Amino acid sequence: MTNSGLRSDVLPATVRDFLAASTVHDADAASSFLVDDIVVVDQNETFRGRDEVHAFLRDAGAEFEYTTEQIGARRVDDDHWVVTLRLEGTFPGGVAELDYRFTLRGNRVAELVIGNHEA
């Protein structure tokens, strides 16, 4: 388990609010924090534009029950943030630690790369 010591309230509001919405599977709310030409990469699958990403946010993990806990976060620079989430649930393996690498443009998410946590 990794914890950088960065509290979630130190994250940019866009990142905090996006994660809060996506954690409860509110694709409409989560999509409101995205630029029109958003790019999301999840485990090497790429989604481009608000419509594709909205569908991804709506459908990702819907077949499983799981909990999500933020276990780490770090600021790379003003526009780049990494949040580590621990998921536990009914998906294969039952536990996953994932890094959500955010690139911001203004007060919106321009890119999100989701991958296995790098210890």
PDB file of N, CA and C in Angstrom:
ATOM      1  N   MET A   1       0.859  -1.184   0.000  1.00  0.00           N
ATOM      2  CA  MET A   1       0.000   0.000   0.000  1.00  0.00           C
ATOM      3  C   MET A   1       0.893   1.231   0.000  1.00  0.00           C
ATOM      4  N   THR A   2       0.531   2.185  -0.813  1.00  0.00           N
ATOM      5  CA  THR A   2       1.316   3.400  -0.950  1.00  0.00           C
ATOM      6  C   THR A   2       0.493   4.591  -0.496  1.00  0.00           C
ATOM      7  N   ASN A   3       1.100   5.470   0.264  1.00  0.00           N
ATOM      8  CA  ASN A   3       0.415   6.702   0.633  1.00  0.00           C
ATOM      9  C   ASN A   3       1.437   7.810   0.660  1.00  0.00           C
ATOM     10  N   SER A   4       1.256   8.760  -0.227  1.00  0.00           N
ATOM     11  CA  SER A   4       2.223   9.847  -0.337  1.00  0.00           C
ATOM     12  C   SER A   4       2.053  10.878   0.759  1.00  0.00           C
ATOM     13  N   GLY A   5       0.970  10.776   1.523  1.00  0.00           N
ATOM     14  CA  GLY A   5       0.718  11.766   2.545  1.00  0.00           C
ATOM     15  C   GLY A   5      -0.072  12.946   2.051  1.00  0.00           C
ATOM     16  N   LEU A   6      -0.336  13.033   0.751  1.00  0.00           N
ATOM     17  CA  LEU A   6      -1.108  14.135   0.198  1.00  0.00           C
ATOM     18  C   LEU A   6      -2.584  13.874   0.452  1.00  0.00           C
ATOM     19  N   ARG A   7      -3.204  14.738   1.206  1.00  0.00           N
ATOM     20  CA  ARG A   7      -4.636  14.592   1.516  1.00  0.00           C
ATOM     21  C   ARG A   7      -5.456  14.889   0.274  1.00  0.00           C
ATOM     22  N   SER A   8      -6.624  14.243   0.199  1.00  0.00           N
ATOM     23  CA  SER A   8      -7.471  14.444  -0.979  1.00  0.00           C
ATOM     24  C   SER A   8      -7.947  15.882  -1.084  1.00  0.00           C
ATOM     25  N   ASP A   9      -8.047  16.602   0.048  1.00  0.00           N
ATOM     26  CA  ASP A   9      -8.513  17.987  -0.034  1.00  0.00           C
ATOM     27  C   ASP A   9      -7.457  18.922  -0.621  1.00  0.00           C
ATOM     28  N   VAL A  10      -6.242  18.422  -0.849  1.00  0.00           N
ATOM     29  CA  VAL A  10      -5.184  19.208  -1.476  1.00  0.00           C
ATOM     30  C   VAL A  10      -5.222  19.035  -2.999  1.00  0.00           C
ATOM     31  N   LEU A  11      -5.891  17.992  -3.458  1.00  0.00           N
ATOM     32  CA  LEU A  11      -6.031  17.786  -4.899  1.00  0.00           C
ATOM     33  C   LEU A  11      -6.845  18.914  -5.511  1.00  0.00           C
ATOM     34  N   PRO A  12      -6.627  19.208  -6.790  1.00  0.00           N
ATOM     35  CA  PRO A  12      -7.478  20.197  -7.457  1.00  0.00           C
ATOM     36  C   PRO A  12      -8.941  19.750  -7.387  1.00  0.00           C
ATOM     37  N   ALA A  13      -9.844  20.708  -7.258  1.00  0.00           N
ATOM     38  CA  ALA A  13     -11.271  20.398  -7.154  1.00  0.00           C
ATOM     39  C   ALA A  13     -11.736  19.550  -8.329  1.00  0.00           C
ATOM     40  N   THR A  14     -11.228  19.802  -9.519  1.00  0.00           N
ATOM     41  CA  THR A  14     -11.618  19.031 -10.703  1.00  0.00           C
ATOM     42  C   THR A  14     -11.320  17.545 -10.508  1.00  0.00           C
ATOM     43  N   VAL A  15     -10.143  17.229 -10.011  1.00  0.00           N
ATOM     44  CA  VAL A  15      -9.753  15.830  -9.787  1.00  0.00           C
ATOM     45  C   VAL A  15     -10.622  15.225  -8.684  1.00  0.00           C
ATOM     46  N   ARG A  16     -10.741  15.933  -7.581  1.00  0.00           N
ATOM     47  CA  ARG A  16     -11.562  15.449  -6.451  1.00  0.00           C
ATOM     48  C   ARG A  16     -12.993  15.171  -6.885  1.00  0.00           C
ATOM     49  N   ASP A  17     -13.588  16.135  -7.588  1.00  0.00           N
ATOM     50  CA  ASP A  17     -14.995  16.015  -7.973  1.00  0.00           C
ATOM     51  C   ASP A  17     -15.192  14.950  -9.046  1.00  0.00           C
ATOM     52  N   PHE A  18     -14.261  14.839  -9.983  1.00  0.00           N
ATOM     53  CA  PHE A  18     -14.340  13.778 -10.987  1.00  0.00           C
ATOM     54  C   PHE A  18     -14.307  12.420 -10.307  1.00  0.00           C
ATOM     55  N   LEU A  19     -13.360  12.214  -9.397  1.00  0.00           N
ATOM     56  CA  LEU A  19     -13.251  10.924  -8.714  1.00  0.00           C
ATOM     57  C   LEU A  19     -14.494  10.623  -7.886  1.00  0.00           C
ATOM     58  N   ALA A  20     -15.023  11.636  -7.209  1.00  0.00           N
ATOM     59  CA  ALA A  20     -16.233  11.428  -6.404  1.00  0.00           C
ATOM     60  C   ALA A  20     -17.388  10.972  -7.292  1.00  0.00           C
ATOM     61  N   ALA A  21     -17.550  11.599  -8.440  1.00  0.00           N
ATOM     62  CA  ALA A  21     -18.642  11.239  -9.351  1.00  0.00           C
ATOM     63  C   ALA A  21     -18.416   9.868  -9.975  1.00  0.00           C
ATOM     64  N   SER A  22     -17.199   9.594 -10.419  1.00  0.00           N
ATOM     65  CA  SER A  22     -16.956   8.308 -11.083  1.00  0.00           C
ATOM     66  C   SER A  22     -17.019   7.151 -10.092  1.00  0.00           C
ATOM     67  N   THR A  23     -16.658   7.383  -8.836  1.00  0.00           N
ATOM     68  CA  THR A  23     -16.710   6.334  -7.820  1.00  0.00           C
ATOM     69  C   THR A  23     -18.137   5.862  -7.570  1.00  0.00           C
ATOM     70  N   VAL A  24     -19.106   6.756  -7.700  1.00  0.00           N
ATOM     71  CA  VAL A  24     -20.515   6.368  -7.504  1.00  0.00           C
ATOM     72  C   VAL A  24     -21.198   6.106  -8.847  1.00  0.00           C
ATOM     73  N   HIS A  25     -20.399   5.964  -9.909  1.00  0.00           N
ATOM     74  CA  HIS A  25     -20.886   5.622 -11.252  1.00  0.00           C
ATOM     75  C   HIS A  25     -21.851   6.653 -11.814  1.00  0.00           C
ATOM     76  N   ASP A  26     -21.597   7.929 -11.518  1.00  0.00           N
ATOM     77  CA  ASP A  26     -22.397   9.019 -12.081  1.00  0.00           C
ATOM     78  C   ASP A  26     -21.655   9.565 -13.304  1.00  0.00           C
ATOM     79  N   ALA A  27     -21.852   8.896 -14.440  1.00  0.00           N
ATOM     80  CA  ALA A  27     -21.124   9.254 -15.660  1.00  0.00           C
ATOM     81  C   ALA A  27     -21.448  10.664 -16.123  1.00  0.00           C
ATOM     82  N   ASP A  28     -22.689  11.115 -15.922  1.00  0.00           N
ATOM     83  CA  ASP A  28     -23.064  12.470 -16.337  1.00  0.00           C
ATOM     84  C   ASP A  28     -22.269  13.511 -15.554  1.00  0.00           C
ATOM     85  N   ALA A  29     -22.223  13.354 -14.233  1.00  0.00           N
ATOM     86  CA  ALA A  29     -21.476  14.304 -13.405  1.00  0.00           C
ATOM     87  C   ALA A  29     -19.982  14.219 -13.702  1.00  0.00           C
ATOM     88  N   ALA A  30     -19.444  13.007 -13.801  1.00  0.00           N
ATOM     89  CA  ALA A  30     -18.015  12.848 -14.075  1.00  0.00           C
ATOM     90  C   ALA A  30     -17.650  13.482 -15.415  1.00  0.00           C
ATOM     91  N   SER A  31     -18.509  13.313 -16.415  1.00  0.00           N
ATOM     92  CA  SER A  31     -18.230  13.873 -17.740  1.00  0.00           C
ATOM     93  C   SER A  31     -18.202  15.393 -17.744  1.00  0.00           C
ATOM     94  N   SER A  32     -18.860  16.011 -16.789  1.00  0.00           N
ATOM     95  CA  SER A  32     -18.889  17.473 -16.744  1.00  0.00           C
ATOM     96  C   SER A  32     -17.522  18.075 -16.418  1.00  0.00           C
ATOM     97  N   PHE A  33     -16.569  17.255 -15.984  1.00  0.00           N
ATOM     98  CA  PHE A  33     -15.230  17.738 -15.627  1.00  0.00           C
ATOM     99  C   PHE A  33     -14.219  17.503 -16.752  1.00  0.00           C
ATOM    100  N   LEU A  34     -14.703  17.114 -17.944  1.00  0.00           N
ATOM    101  CA  LEU A  34     -13.831  16.745 -19.048  1.00  0.00           C
ATOM    102  C   LEU A  34     -13.848  17.788 -20.160  1.00  0.00           C
ATOM    103  N   VAL A  35     -12.699  17.938 -20.835  1.00  0.00           N
ATOM    104  CA  VAL A  35     -12.657  18.759 -22.043  1.00  0.00           C
ATOM    105  C   VAL A  35     -13.333  17.972 -23.170  1.00  0.00           C
ATOM    106  N   ASP A  36     -13.741  18.665 -24.236  1.00  0.00           N
ATOM    107  CA  ASP A  36     -14.426  18.001 -25.345  1.00  0.00           C
ATOM    108  C   ASP A  36     -13.572  16.942 -26.031  1.00  0.00           C
ATOM    109  N   ASP A  37     -12.256  17.191 -26.125  1.00  0.00           N
ATOM    110  CA  ASP A  37     -11.368  16.241 -26.805  1.00  0.00           C
ATOM    111  C   ASP A  37     -10.610  15.355 -25.812  1.00  0.00           C
ATOM    112  N   ILE A  38     -11.252  15.018 -24.715  1.00  0.00           N
ATOM    113  CA  ILE A  38     -10.677  14.167 -23.675  1.00  0.00           C
ATOM    114  C   ILE A  38     -10.155  12.851 -24.263  1.00  0.00           C
ATOM    115  N   VAL A  39      -9.058  12.371 -23.698  1.00  0.00           N
ATOM    116  CA  VAL A  39      -8.524  11.051 -24.030  1.00  0.00           C
ATOM    117  C   VAL A  39      -8.372  10.295 -22.709  1.00  0.00           C
ATOM    118  N   VAL A  40      -8.950   9.087 -22.666  1.00  0.00           N
ATOM    119  CA  VAL A  40      -8.810   8.220 -21.504  1.00  0.00           C
ATOM    120  C   VAL A  40      -8.205   6.908 -21.972  1.00  0.00           C
ATOM    121  N   VAL A  41      -7.163   6.475 -21.285  1.00  0.00           N
ATOM    122  CA  VAL A  41      -6.543   5.186 -21.550  1.00  0.00           C
ATOM    123  C   VAL A  41      -6.724   4.359 -20.281  1.00  0.00           C
ATOM    124  N   ASP A  42      -7.393   3.211 -20.423  1.00  0.00           N
ATOM    125  CA  ASP A  42      -7.624   2.312 -19.293  1.00  0.00           C
ATOM    126  C   ASP A  42      -7.081   0.944 -19.659  1.00  0.00           C
ATOM    127  N   GLN A  43      -6.007   0.546 -18.984  1.00  0.00           N
ATOM    128  CA  GLN A  43      -5.382  -0.751 -19.226  1.00  0.00           C
ATOM    129  C   GLN A  43      -5.150  -0.962 -20.725  1.00  0.00           C
ATOM    130  N   ASN A  44      -4.580   0.027 -21.382  1.00  0.00           N
ATOM    131  CA  ASN A  44      -4.183  -0.008 -22.795  1.00  0.00           C
ATOM    132  C   ASN A  44      -5.336   0.074 -23.793  1.00  0.00           C
ATOM    133  N   GLU A  45      -6.546   0.367 -23.348  1.00  0.00           N
ATOM    134  CA  GLU A  45      -7.665   0.625 -24.255  1.00  0.00           C
ATOM    135  C   GLU A  45      -7.920   2.131 -24.234  1.00  0.00           C
ATOM    136  N   THR A  46      -8.028   2.743 -25.422  1.00  0.00           N
ATOM    137  CA  THR A  46      -8.139   4.199 -25.524  1.00  0.00           C
ATOM    138  C   THR A  46      -9.543   4.621 -25.927  1.00  0.00           C
ATOM    139  N   PHE A  47     -10.041   5.644 -25.230  1.00  0.00           N
ATOM    140  CA  PHE A  47     -11.350   6.237 -25.506  1.00  0.00           C
ATOM    141  C   PHE A  47     -11.112   7.709 -25.803  1.00  0.00           C
ATOM    142  N   ARG A  48     -11.727   8.220 -26.887  1.00  0.00           N
ATOM    143  CA  ARG A  48     -11.495   9.597 -27.323  1.00  0.00           C
ATOM    144  C   ARG A  48     -12.809  10.355 -27.434  1.00  0.00           C
ATOM    145  N   GLY A  49     -12.789  11.574 -26.922  1.00  0.00           N
ATOM    146  CA  GLY A  49     -13.961  12.448 -27.013  1.00  0.00           C
ATOM    147  C   GLY A  49     -14.971  12.172 -25.913  1.00  0.00           C
ATOM    148  N   ARG A  50     -15.809  13.176 -25.663  1.00  0.00           N
ATOM    149  CA  ARG A  50     -16.759  13.098 -24.542  1.00  0.00           C
ATOM    150  C   ARG A  50     -17.748  11.945 -24.668  1.00  0.00           C
ATOM    151  N   ASP A  51     -18.224  11.647 -25.877  1.00  0.00           N
ATOM    152  CA  ASP A  51     -19.217  10.579 -26.030  1.00  0.00           C
ATOM    153  C   ASP A  51     -18.626   9.213 -25.699  1.00  0.00           C
ATOM    154  N   GLU A  52     -17.459   8.903 -26.263  1.00  0.00           N
ATOM    155  CA  GLU A  52     -16.808   7.619 -25.974  1.00  0.00           C
ATOM    156  C   GLU A  52     -16.458   7.507 -24.504  1.00  0.00           C
ATOM    157  N   VAL A  53     -15.919   8.582 -23.938  1.00  0.00           N
ATOM    158  CA  VAL A  53     -15.505   8.550 -22.532  1.00  0.00           C
ATOM    159  C   VAL A  53     -16.729   8.455 -21.625  1.00  0.00           C
ATOM    160  N   HIS A  54     -17.805   9.134 -21.971  1.00  0.00           N
ATOM    161  CA  HIS A  54     -19.036   9.029 -21.173  1.00  0.00           C
ATOM    162  C   HIS A  54     -19.504   7.576 -21.136  1.00  0.00           C
ATOM    163  N   ALA A  55     -19.509   6.903 -22.277  1.00  0.00           N
ATOM    164  CA  ALA A  55     -19.916   5.493 -22.331  1.00  0.00           C
ATOM    165  C   ALA A  55     -18.973   4.628 -21.496  1.00  0.00           C
ATOM    166  N   PHE A  56     -17.678   4.902 -21.565  1.00  0.00           N
ATOM    167  CA  PHE A  56     -16.710   4.173 -20.741  1.00  0.00           C
ATOM    168  C   PHE A  56     -17.010   4.376 -19.262  1.00  0.00           C
ATOM    169  N   LEU A  57     -17.221   5.623 -18.854  1.00  0.00           N
ATOM    170  CA  LEU A  57     -17.498   5.909 -17.439  1.00  0.00           C
ATOM    171  C   LEU A  57     -18.796   5.242 -16.981  1.00  0.00           C
ATOM    172  N   ARG A  58     -19.763   5.190 -17.846  1.00  0.00           N
ATOM    173  CA  ARG A  58     -21.052   4.578 -17.520  1.00  0.00           C
ATOM    174  C   ARG A  58     -20.916   3.064 -17.363  1.00  0.00           C
ATOM    175  N   ASP A  59     -20.117   2.435 -18.227  1.00  0.00           N
ATOM    176  CA  ASP A  59     -20.095   0.980 -18.305  1.00  0.00           C
ATOM    177  C   ASP A  59     -18.943   0.308 -17.570  1.00  0.00           C
ATOM    178  N   ALA A  60     -17.856   1.010 -17.312  1.00  0.00           N
ATOM    179  CA  ALA A  60     -16.664   0.389 -16.727  1.00  0.00           C
ATOM    180  C   ALA A  60     -16.969  -0.214 -15.360  1.00  0.00           C
ATOM    181  N   GLY A  61     -16.725  -1.485 -15.232  1.00  0.00           N
ATOM    182  CA  GLY A  61     -16.903  -2.165 -13.956  1.00  0.00           C
ATOM    183  C   GLY A  61     -18.330  -2.383 -13.529  1.00  0.00           C
ATOM    184  N   ALA A  62     -19.310  -2.088 -14.386  1.00  0.00           N
ATOM    185  CA  ALA A  62     -20.718  -2.182 -14.006  1.00  0.00           C
ATOM    186  C   ALA A  62     -21.131  -3.606 -13.651  1.00  0.00           C
ATOM    187  N   GLU A  63     -20.412  -4.584 -14.173  1.00  0.00           N
ATOM    188  CA  GLU A  63     -20.778  -5.971 -13.885  1.00  0.00           C
ATOM    189  C   GLU A  63     -20.257  -6.471 -12.542  1.00  0.00           C
ATOM    190  N   PHE A  64     -19.500  -5.635 -11.841  1.00  0.00           N
ATOM    191  CA  PHE A  64     -18.916  -6.026 -10.561  1.00  0.00           C
ATOM    192  C   PHE A  64     -19.391  -5.131  -9.431  1.00  0.00           C
ATOM    193  N   GLU A  65     -19.315  -5.644  -8.219  1.00  0.00           N
ATOM    194  CA  GLU A  65     -19.511  -4.821  -7.028  1.00  0.00           C
ATOM    195  C   GLU A  65     -18.131  -4.619  -6.413  1.00  0.00           C
ATOM    196  N   TYR A  66     -17.826  -3.368  -6.038  1.00  0.00           N
ATOM    197  CA  TYR A  66     -16.521  -3.105  -5.449  1.00  0.00           C
ATOM    198  C   TYR A  66     -16.544  -1.795  -4.669  1.00  0.00           C
ATOM    199  N   THR A  67     -15.565  -1.689  -3.788  1.00  0.00           N
ATOM    200  CA  THR A  67     -15.364  -0.451  -3.041  1.00  0.00           C
ATOM    201  C   THR A  67     -14.075   0.192  -3.547  1.00  0.00           C
ATOM    202  N   THR A  68     -13.991   1.498  -3.361  1.00  0.00           N
ATOM    203  CA  THR A  68     -12.841   2.270  -3.815  1.00  0.00           C
ATOM    204  C   THR A  68     -12.327   3.107  -2.660  1.00  0.00           C
ATOM    205  N   GLU A  69     -11.013   3.063  -2.455  1.00  0.00           N
ATOM    206  CA  GLU A  69     -10.386   3.875  -1.407  1.00  0.00           C
ATOM    207  C   GLU A  69      -9.150   4.548  -1.980  1.00  0.00           C
ATOM    208  N   GLN A  70      -9.036   5.858  -1.756  1.00  0.00           N
ATOM    209  CA  GLN A  70      -7.825   6.568  -2.166  1.00  0.00           C
ATOM    210  C   GLN A  70      -6.726   6.234  -1.169  1.00  0.00           C
ATOM    211  N   ILE A  71      -5.606   5.713  -1.677  1.00  0.00           N
ATOM    212  CA  ILE A  71      -4.509   5.351  -0.787  1.00  0.00           C
ATOM    213  C   ILE A  71      -3.254   6.171  -1.046  1.00  0.00           C
ATOM    214  N   GLY A  72      -3.289   7.022  -2.057  1.00  0.00           N
ATOM    215  CA  GLY A  72      -2.135   7.857  -2.341  1.00  0.00           C
ATOM    216  C   GLY A  72      -2.473   8.929  -3.350  1.00  0.00           C
ATOM    217  N   ALA A  73      -1.655   9.961  -3.362  1.00  0.00           N
ATOM    218  CA  ALA A  73      -1.812  11.031  -4.342  1.00  0.00           C
ATOM    219  C   ALA A  73      -0.520  11.821  -4.378  1.00  0.00           C
ATOM    220  N   ARG A  74      -0.209  12.300  -5.574  1.00  0.00           N
ATOM    221  CA  ARG A  74       0.973  13.171  -5.672  1.00  0.00           C
ATOM    222  C   ARG A  74       0.803  14.159  -6.810  1.00  0.00           C
ATOM    223  N   ARG A  75       1.380  15.300  -6.605  1.00  0.00           N
ATOM    224  CA  ARG A  75       1.404  16.363  -7.603  1.00  0.00           C
ATOM    225  C   ARG A  75       2.686  16.218  -8.395  1.00  0.00           C
ATOM    226  N   VAL A  76       2.565  16.128  -9.704  1.00  0.00           N
ATOM    227  CA  VAL A  76       3.739  16.117 -10.571  1.00  0.00           C
ATOM    228  C   VAL A  76       4.108  17.563 -10.881  1.00  0.00           C
ATOM    229  N   ASP A  77       3.113  18.336 -11.319  1.00  0.00           N
ATOM    230  CA  ASP A  77       3.218  19.780 -11.498  1.00  0.00           C
ATOM    231  C   ASP A  77       1.788  20.312 -11.495  1.00  0.00           C
ATOM    232  N   ASP A  78       1.593  21.575 -11.791  1.00  0.00           N
ATOM    233  CA  ASP A  78       0.253  22.160 -11.689  1.00  0.00           C
ATOM    234  C   ASP A  78      -0.796  21.454 -12.546  1.00  0.00           C
ATOM    235  N   ASP A  79      -0.374  20.867 -13.659  1.00  0.00           N
ATOM    236  CA  ASP A  79      -1.317  20.250 -14.593  1.00  0.00           C
ATOM    237  C   ASP A  79      -1.320  18.727 -14.556  1.00  0.00           C
ATOM    238  N   HIS A  80      -0.473  18.119 -13.755  1.00  0.00           N
ATOM    239  CA  HIS A  80      -0.352  16.656 -13.729  1.00  0.00           C
ATOM    240  C   HIS A  80      -0.401  16.140 -12.284  1.00  0.00           C
ATOM    241  N   TRP A  81      -1.334  15.223 -12.064  1.00  0.00           N
ATOM    242  CA  TRP A  81      -1.558  14.654 -10.735  1.00  0.00           C
ATOM    243  C   TRP A  81      -1.737  13.155 -10.863  1.00  0.00           C
ATOM    244  N   VAL A  82      -1.276  12.409  -9.862  1.00  0.00           N
ATOM    245  CA  VAL A  82      -1.453  10.958  -9.839  1.00  0.00           C
ATOM    246  C   VAL A  82      -2.175  10.608  -8.549  1.00  0.00           C
ATOM    247  N   VAL A  83      -3.289   9.892  -8.681  1.00  0.00           N
ATOM    248  CA  VAL A  83      -4.063   9.432  -7.529  1.00  0.00           C
ATOM    249  C   VAL A  83      -4.071   7.912  -7.583  1.00  0.00           C
ATOM    250  N   THR A  84      -3.716   7.287  -6.472  1.00  0.00           N
ATOM    251  CA  THR A  84      -3.727   5.825  -6.390  1.00  0.00           C
ATOM    252  C   THR A  84      -4.970   5.384  -5.639  1.00  0.00           C
ATOM    253  N   LEU A  85      -5.730   4.497  -6.280  1.00  0.00           N
ATOM    254  CA  LEU A  85      -6.958   3.974  -5.691  1.00  0.00           C
ATOM    255  C   LEU A  85      -6.820   2.474  -5.484  1.00  0.00           C
ATOM    256  N   ARG A  86      -7.355   2.002  -4.375  1.00  0.00           N
ATOM    257  CA  ARG A  86      -7.425   0.564  -4.087  1.00  0.00           C
ATOM    258  C   ARG A  86      -8.870   0.136  -4.267  1.00  0.00           C
ATOM    259  N   LEU A  87      -9.085  -0.827  -5.162  1.00  0.00           N
ATOM    260  CA  LEU A  87     -10.410  -1.375  -5.408  1.00  0.00           C
ATOM    261  C   LEU A  87     -10.459  -2.788  -4.841  1.00  0.00           C
ATOM    262  N   GLU A  88     -11.533  -3.087  -4.132  1.00  0.00           N
ATOM    263  CA  GLU A  88     -11.770  -4.441  -3.620  1.00  0.00           C
ATOM    264  C   GLU A  88     -13.176  -4.830  -3.998  1.00  0.00           C
ATOM    265  N   GLY A  89     -13.314  -6.043  -4.588  1.00  0.00           N
ATOM    266  CA  GLY A  89     -14.655  -6.442  -4.986  1.00  0.00           C
ATOM    267  C   GLY A  89     -14.731  -7.789  -5.646  1.00  0.00           C
ATOM    268  N   THR A  90     -15.778  -7.953  -6.444  1.00  0.00           N
ATOM    269  CA  THR A  90     -16.108  -9.244  -7.046  1.00  0.00           C
ATOM    270  C   THR A  90     -15.463  -9.459  -8.413  1.00  0.00           C
ATOM    271  N   PHE A  91     -14.562  -8.591  -8.831  1.00  0.00           N
ATOM    272  CA  PHE A  91     -13.866  -8.746 -10.102  1.00  0.00           C
ATOM    273  C   PHE A  91     -12.739  -9.775  -9.947  1.00  0.00           C
ATOM    274  N   PRO A  92     -12.238 -10.340 -11.054  1.00  0.00           N
ATOM    275  CA  PRO A  92     -11.157 -11.327 -10.964  1.00  0.00           C
ATOM    276  C   PRO A  92      -9.971 -10.772 -10.180  1.00  0.00           C
ATOM    277  N   GLY A  93      -9.498 -11.537  -9.236  1.00  0.00           N
ATOM    278  CA  GLY A  93      -8.384 -11.118  -8.386  1.00  0.00           C
ATOM    279  C   GLY A  93      -8.839 -10.450  -7.106  1.00  0.00           C
ATOM    280  N   GLY A  94      -9.996  -9.804  -7.126  1.00  0.00           N
ATOM    281  CA  GLY A  94     -10.616  -9.247  -5.930  1.00  0.00           C
ATOM    282  C   GLY A  94     -10.024  -7.961  -5.380  1.00  0.00           C
ATOM    283  N   VAL A  95      -8.753  -7.668  -5.695  1.00  0.00           N
ATOM    284  CA  VAL A  95      -8.100  -6.454  -5.198  1.00  0.00           C
ATOM    285  C   VAL A  95      -7.225  -5.891  -6.315  1.00  0.00           C
ATOM    286  N   ALA A  96      -7.279  -4.580  -6.487  1.00  0.00           N
ATOM    287  CA  ALA A  96      -6.406  -3.917  -7.463  1.00  0.00           C
ATOM    288  C   ALA A  96      -6.014  -2.555  -6.931  1.00  0.00           C
ATOM    289  N   GLU A  97      -4.770  -2.193  -7.142  1.00  0.00           N
ATOM    290  CA  GLU A  97      -4.305  -0.842  -6.861  1.00  0.00           C
ATOM    291  C   GLU A  97      -3.971  -0.206  -8.197  1.00  0.00           C
ATOM    292  N   LEU A  98      -4.689   0.899  -8.493  1.00  0.00           N
ATOM    293  CA  LEU A  98      -4.575   1.551  -9.792  1.00  0.00           C
ATOM    294  C   LEU A  98      -4.126   2.994  -9.641  1.00  0.00           C
ATOM    295  N   ASP A  99      -3.267   3.428 -10.542  1.00  0.00           N
ATOM    296  CA  ASP A  99      -2.870   4.830 -10.620  1.00  0.00           C
ATOM    297  C   ASP A  99      -3.745   5.517 -11.660  1.00  0.00           C
ATOM    298  N   TYR A 100      -4.331   6.634 -11.271  1.00  0.00           N
ATOM    299  CA  TYR A 100      -5.094   7.492 -12.165  1.00  0.00           C
ATOM    300  C   TYR A 100      -4.223   8.711 -12.428  1.00  0.00           C
ATOM    301  N   ARG A 101      -3.663   8.795 -13.634  1.00  0.00           N
ATOM    302  CA  ARG A 101      -2.752   9.880 -14.000  1.00  0.00           C
ATOM    303  C   ARG A 101      -3.541  10.935 -14.765  1.00  0.00           C
ATOM    304  N   PHE A 102      -3.755  12.061 -14.115  1.00  0.00           N
ATOM    305  CA  PHE A 102      -4.560  13.148 -14.668  1.00  0.00           C
ATOM    306  C   PHE A 102      -3.682  14.195 -15.324  1.00  0.00           C
ATOM    307  N   THR A 103      -4.105  14.662 -16.501  1.00  0.00           N
ATOM    308  CA  THR A 103      -3.550  15.861 -17.122  1.00  0.00           C
ATOM    309  C   THR A 103      -4.696  16.859 -17.197  1.00  0.00           C
ATOM    310  N   LEU A 104      -4.479  18.029 -16.613  1.00  0.00           N
ATOM    311  CA  LEU A 104      -5.510  19.061 -16.591  1.00  0.00           C
ATOM    312  C   LEU A 104      -5.236  20.108 -17.660  1.00  0.00           C
ATOM    313  N   ARG A 105      -6.308  20.663 -18.183  1.00  0.00           N
ATOM    314  CA  ARG A 105      -6.237  21.830 -19.070  1.00  0.00           C
ATOM    315  C   ARG A 105      -7.222  22.822 -18.480  1.00  0.00           C
ATOM    316  N   GLY A 106      -6.678  23.872 -17.869  1.00  0.00           N
ATOM    317  CA  GLY A 106      -7.550  24.802 -17.142  1.00  0.00           C
ATOM    318  C   GLY A 106      -8.175  24.067 -15.969  1.00  0.00           C
ATOM    319  N   ASN A 107      -9.481  24.145 -15.850  1.00  0.00           N
ATOM    320  CA  ASN A 107     -10.157  23.480 -14.738  1.00  0.00           C
ATOM    321  C   ASN A 107     -10.899  22.219 -15.201  1.00  0.00           C
ATOM    322  N   ARG A 108     -10.384  21.568 -16.252  1.00  0.00           N
ATOM    323  CA  ARG A 108     -10.987  20.344 -16.790  1.00  0.00           C
ATOM    324  C   ARG A 108      -9.915  19.264 -16.972  1.00  0.00           C
ATOM    325  N   VAL A 109     -10.359  18.015 -17.016  1.00  0.00           N
ATOM    326  CA  VAL A 109      -9.462  16.892 -17.278  1.00  0.00           C
ATOM    327  C   VAL A 109      -9.303  16.752 -18.790  1.00  0.00           C
ATOM    328  N   ALA A 110      -8.053  16.801 -19.267  1.00  0.00           N
ATOM    329  CA  ALA A 110      -7.765  16.667 -20.693  1.00  0.00           C
ATOM    330  C   ALA A 110      -7.338  15.249 -21.046  1.00  0.00           C
ATOM    331  N   GLU A 111      -6.720  14.562 -20.080  1.00  0.00           N
ATOM    332  CA  GLU A 111      -6.279  13.191 -20.309  1.00  0.00           C
ATOM    333  C   GLU A 111      -6.272  12.451 -18.974  1.00  0.00           C
ATOM    334  N   LEU A 112      -6.638  11.187 -19.034  1.00  0.00           N
ATOM    335  CA  LEU A 112      -6.604  10.325 -17.860  1.00  0.00           C
ATOM    336  C   LEU A 112      -6.055   8.976 -18.298  1.00  0.00           C
ATOM    337  N   VAL A 113      -4.980   8.550 -17.674  1.00  0.00           N
ATOM    338  CA  VAL A 113      -4.395   7.241 -17.950  1.00  0.00           C
ATOM    339  C   VAL A 113      -4.525   6.425 -16.677  1.00  0.00           C
ATOM    340  N   ILE A 114      -5.223   5.285 -16.799  1.00  0.00           N
ATOM    341  CA  ILE A 114      -5.458   4.402 -15.661  1.00  0.00           C
ATOM    342  C   ILE A 114      -4.656   3.141 -15.879  1.00  0.00           C
ATOM    343  N   GLY A 115      -3.819   2.786 -14.897  1.00  0.00           N
ATOM    344  CA  GLY A 115      -3.010   1.585 -15.014  1.00  0.00           C
ATOM    345  C   GLY A 115      -2.655   1.039 -13.661  1.00  0.00           C
ATOM    346  N   ASN A 116      -2.065  -0.136 -13.665  1.00  0.00           N
ATOM    347  CA  ASN A 116      -1.661  -0.753 -12.408  1.00  0.00           C
ATOM    348  C   ASN A 116      -0.711   0.163 -11.660  1.00  0.00           C
ATOM    349  N   HIS A 117      -0.860   0.168 -10.352  1.00  0.00           N
ATOM    350  CA  HIS A 117      -0.020   1.016  -9.503  1.00  0.00           C
ATOM    351  C   HIS A 117       1.431   0.596  -9.634  1.00  0.00           C
ATOM    352  N   GLU A 118       2.278   1.585  -9.801  1.00  0.00           N
ATOM    353  CA  GLU A 118       3.724   1.330  -9.869  1.00  0.00           C
ATOM    354  C   GLU A 118       4.318   1.629  -8.518  1.00  0.00           C
ATOM    355  N   ALA A 119       4.728   0.592  -7.823  1.00  0.00           N
ATOM    356  CA  ALA A 119       5.261   0.745  -6.454  1.00  0.00           C
ATOM    357  C   ALA A 119       6.601   1.437  -6.462  1.00  0.00           C
TER     358      ALA A 119
END
